[in-house]
Amino acid sequence: MKRKYLTALTTVIFAAGLLRADALAQRGVGGPRRGDAQFATDRDTFHFLLANGDKIRRDVKNLPGGVETITESDDPEVAGKIQEHVAAMYLRVEKPSPIRMRDPLFAEIFRNADKIDMKVQDTAKGIKATETSKDPYVVKLIQEHAKVVSLFVKHGFDEAHKSHAIPKKQP
C-alpha cells in the first residue's frame, strides 16, 4: 500500500512539474515556446556570447534619436556569433517575435517595436548597428537597451538573470 501511494505521489509531483514548466515556457521562461522554432538557436547563441564577453568590445554612442553601436571581437568565432545574434534579434523586433518578456525593459521594447528603425552592417569583426525612433520615449528605451547589452558583455550570465527597469515617460 505504501509503495502504491509513493508511486502515485511521485506521478502527481512529476505531472505538476511538467505543467509548471510548460506554463513557464509559454511565457518565455525556461525554454522554447510553442511555435517558435528559432528560440533554442537564439538562446544558445546568446549564451555563447555571455560566456565569451571577455572577448567582446563594445562602443555605444548616443544619438539625438537613438544609438549607434559597434560590437566586435578579434576571435573569428565570437565575431560570427555577434553577427548571427544581432541578425536574429533584429528579425525578432521586425516580426515581432518577443523574447525575455519576464524582463520589463525587453517587454517594453517589444511593445514599441513598430516605432524602432534599425540598420545593421556587418564589419570584419562584428557589427555596426544604428537604432533610432521619432518617439522620444522609444529613444530612451533604445538607449537603455544599449546600456543593458553592454552590461551583458561585462557581467555575462549574472546580468542576464536580472530584470531591467524601463525609463520613465515624460508627461
Protein backbone atom coordinates (compact mmCIF):
# COMPACT_ATOMS: atom_id res chain seq x y z
CA MET A 1 0.00 0.00 0.00
CA LYS A 2 2.77 2.44 0.92
CA ARG A 3 4.55 1.75 -2.38
CA LYS A 4 1.38 2.48 -4.41
CA TYR A 5 0.95 5.74 -2.51
CA LEU A 6 4.56 6.80 -3.17
CA THR A 7 4.25 5.90 -6.86
CA ALA A 8 1.03 7.89 -7.18
CA LEU A 9 2.52 10.83 -5.29
CA THR A 10 5.64 10.78 -7.47
CA THR A 11 3.46 10.75 -10.60
CA VAL A 12 1.43 13.73 -9.37
CA ILE A 13 4.56 15.73 -8.48
CA PHE A 14 6.16 14.91 -11.84
CA ALA A 15 2.99 15.91 -13.74
CA ALA A 16 2.73 19.16 -11.77
CA GLY A 17 6.35 19.94 -12.62
CA LEU A 18 5.68 19.36 -16.32
CA LEU A 19 2.62 21.61 -16.23
CA ARG A 20 4.61 24.36 -14.49
CA ALA A 21 7.50 24.00 -16.96
CA ASP A 22 5.05 24.20 -19.87
CA ALA A 23 3.37 27.29 -18.42
CA LEU A 24 6.74 28.99 -17.90
CA ALA A 25 7.92 28.04 -21.37
CA GLN A 26 4.81 29.58 -22.93
CA ARG A 27 5.67 32.85 -21.16
CA GLY A 28 9.24 32.66 -22.44
CA VAL A 29 10.81 31.45 -19.21
CA GLY A 30 12.99 28.38 -19.09
CA GLY A 31 12.80 27.13 -22.63
CA PRO A 32 11.34 27.34 -26.10
CA ARG A 33 7.75 28.27 -26.58
CA ARG A 34 5.41 26.53 -28.93
CA GLY A 35 5.54 27.93 -32.43
CA ASP A 36 9.00 29.46 -32.08
CA ALA A 37 11.39 27.00 -33.66
CA GLN A 38 14.20 29.59 -33.66
CA PHE A 39 14.14 30.15 -29.89
CA ALA A 40 16.62 27.41 -28.90
CA THR A 41 19.14 28.51 -31.54
CA ASP A 42 18.85 32.16 -30.47
CA ARG A 43 19.18 31.24 -26.78
CA ASP A 44 22.27 29.11 -27.45
CA THR A 45 23.93 31.93 -29.41
CA PHE A 46 23.12 34.41 -26.61
CA HIS A 47 24.58 32.03 -24.01
CA PHE A 48 27.73 31.62 -26.11
CA LEU A 49 28.15 35.40 -26.19
CA LEU A 50 27.51 35.71 -22.44
CA ALA A 51 30.22 33.12 -21.83
CA ASN A 52 32.66 34.95 -24.12
CA GLY A 53 32.06 38.54 -23.05
CA ASP A 54 35.74 38.97 -22.22
CA LYS A 55 36.46 38.64 -25.96
CA ILE A 56 33.94 41.32 -26.98
CA ARG A 57 34.49 45.08 -27.43
CA ARG A 58 31.52 47.37 -27.47
CA ASP A 59 31.28 51.06 -28.25
CA VAL A 60 27.97 52.84 -27.74
CA LYS A 61 27.32 56.36 -28.99
CA ASN A 62 24.05 58.02 -28.02
CA LEU A 63 22.46 59.93 -30.88
CA PRO A 64 19.67 62.51 -30.55
CA GLY A 65 17.24 59.88 -31.89
CA GLY A 66 18.76 56.65 -30.57
CA VAL A 67 22.14 54.92 -30.61
CA GLU A 68 24.97 53.77 -32.81
CA THR A 69 26.81 50.71 -31.54
CA ILE A 70 29.85 48.82 -32.68
CA THR A 71 30.24 45.35 -31.21
CA GLU A 72 33.30 43.36 -32.27
CA SER A 73 35.74 40.64 -31.35
CA ASP A 74 39.20 39.62 -32.56
CA ASP A 75 38.09 35.99 -32.19
CA PRO A 76 36.50 34.99 -35.53
CA GLU A 77 34.05 32.57 -33.89
CA VAL A 78 32.84 35.21 -31.45
CA ALA A 79 32.62 37.81 -34.25
CA GLY A 80 30.45 35.41 -36.26
CA LYS A 81 28.19 34.77 -33.28
CA ILE A 82 27.80 38.54 -32.75
CA GLN A 83 26.63 38.89 -36.35
CA GLU A 84 24.34 35.86 -36.02
CA HIS A 85 22.82 37.15 -32.77
CA VAL A 86 22.20 40.68 -33.99
CA ALA A 87 20.58 39.45 -37.22
CA ALA A 88 18.30 37.11 -35.24
CA MET A 89 17.31 39.82 -32.74
CA TYR A 90 16.53 42.29 -35.49
CA LEU A 91 14.24 39.72 -37.09
CA ARG A 92 12.51 39.26 -33.74
CA VAL A 93 11.89 43.02 -33.47
CA GLU A 94 10.67 43.26 -37.08
CA LYS A 95 8.23 40.32 -36.87
CA PRO A 96 7.76 40.84 -33.82
CA SER A 97 8.65 37.60 -32.07
CA PRO A 98 9.33 38.62 -28.46
CA ILE A 99 11.81 37.08 -26.05
CA ARG A 100 12.84 37.89 -22.46
CA MET A 101 9.31 39.04 -21.70
CA ARG A 102 9.99 38.48 -17.99
CA ASP A 103 12.36 41.45 -18.17
CA PRO A 104 10.39 44.73 -18.07
CA LEU A 105 12.79 46.56 -20.42
CA PHE A 106 12.65 43.89 -23.11
CA ALA A 107 8.86 43.55 -22.79
CA GLU A 108 8.51 47.32 -23.28
CA ILE A 109 10.84 47.29 -26.28
CA PHE A 110 8.72 44.63 -27.97
CA ARG A 111 5.53 46.59 -27.16
CA ASN A 112 7.09 49.51 -29.06
CA ALA A 113 8.87 47.53 -31.79
CA ASP A 114 6.89 49.22 -34.56
CA LYS A 115 8.44 52.57 -33.60
CA ILE A 116 12.06 51.42 -33.90
CA ASP A 117 14.12 51.90 -37.08
CA MET A 118 17.14 49.62 -37.31
CA LYS A 119 20.11 49.44 -39.61
CA VAL A 120 22.81 46.85 -39.18
CA GLN A 121 26.04 46.49 -41.07
CA ASP A 122 28.50 43.63 -40.68
CA THR A 123 32.08 44.67 -40.02
CA ALA A 124 35.15 42.47 -40.41
CA LYS A 125 34.97 41.66 -36.68
CA GLY A 126 31.29 42.02 -35.77
CA ILE A 127 28.60 44.61 -36.40
CA LYS A 128 27.77 48.28 -36.52
CA ALA A 129 24.14 48.96 -35.63
CA THR A 130 22.06 52.10 -35.64
CA GLU A 131 18.73 52.11 -33.84
CA THR A 132 16.54 55.19 -33.91
CA SER A 133 13.00 56.36 -33.31
CA LYS A 134 10.97 59.53 -33.76
CA ASP A 135 9.21 58.80 -30.45
CA PRO A 136 11.20 60.38 -27.55
CA TYR A 137 10.13 57.62 -25.13
CA VAL A 138 11.26 54.89 -27.55
CA VAL A 139 14.59 56.72 -27.92
CA LYS A 140 15.03 56.29 -24.15
CA LEU A 141 14.16 52.59 -24.48
CA ILE A 142 16.71 52.14 -27.25
CA GLN A 143 19.42 53.91 -25.24
CA GLU A 144 18.63 51.92 -22.09
CA HIS A 145 18.71 48.67 -24.08
CA ALA A 146 22.18 49.59 -25.39
CA LYS A 147 23.36 50.07 -21.79
CA VAL A 148 21.95 46.70 -20.77
CA VAL A 149 23.60 44.91 -23.70
CA SER A 150 26.91 46.43 -22.59
CA LEU A 151 26.21 45.09 -19.10
CA PHE A 152 25.58 41.63 -20.60
CA VAL A 153 29.00 41.81 -22.23
CA LYS A 154 30.64 42.97 -18.99
CA HIS A 155 28.87 40.72 -16.46
CA GLY A 156 27.68 37.74 -18.53
CA PHE A 157 25.14 35.37 -17.03
CA ASP A 158 24.94 37.34 -13.77
CA GLU A 159 23.47 40.28 -15.68
CA ALA A 160 21.25 38.11 -17.87
CA HIS A 161 19.44 36.80 -14.78
CA LYS A 162 18.47 40.31 -13.70
CA SER A 163 15.41 42.33 -14.63
CA HIS A 164 15.96 45.80 -16.05
CA ALA A 165 13.78 48.81 -15.34
CA ILE A 166 12.08 50.78 -18.06
CA PRO A 167 12.78 54.52 -18.29
CA LYS A 168 10.09 56.86 -17.07
CA LYS A 169 7.86 58.54 -19.63
CA GLN A 170 7.91 62.31 -19.59
CA PRO A 171 4.45 63.86 -19.04
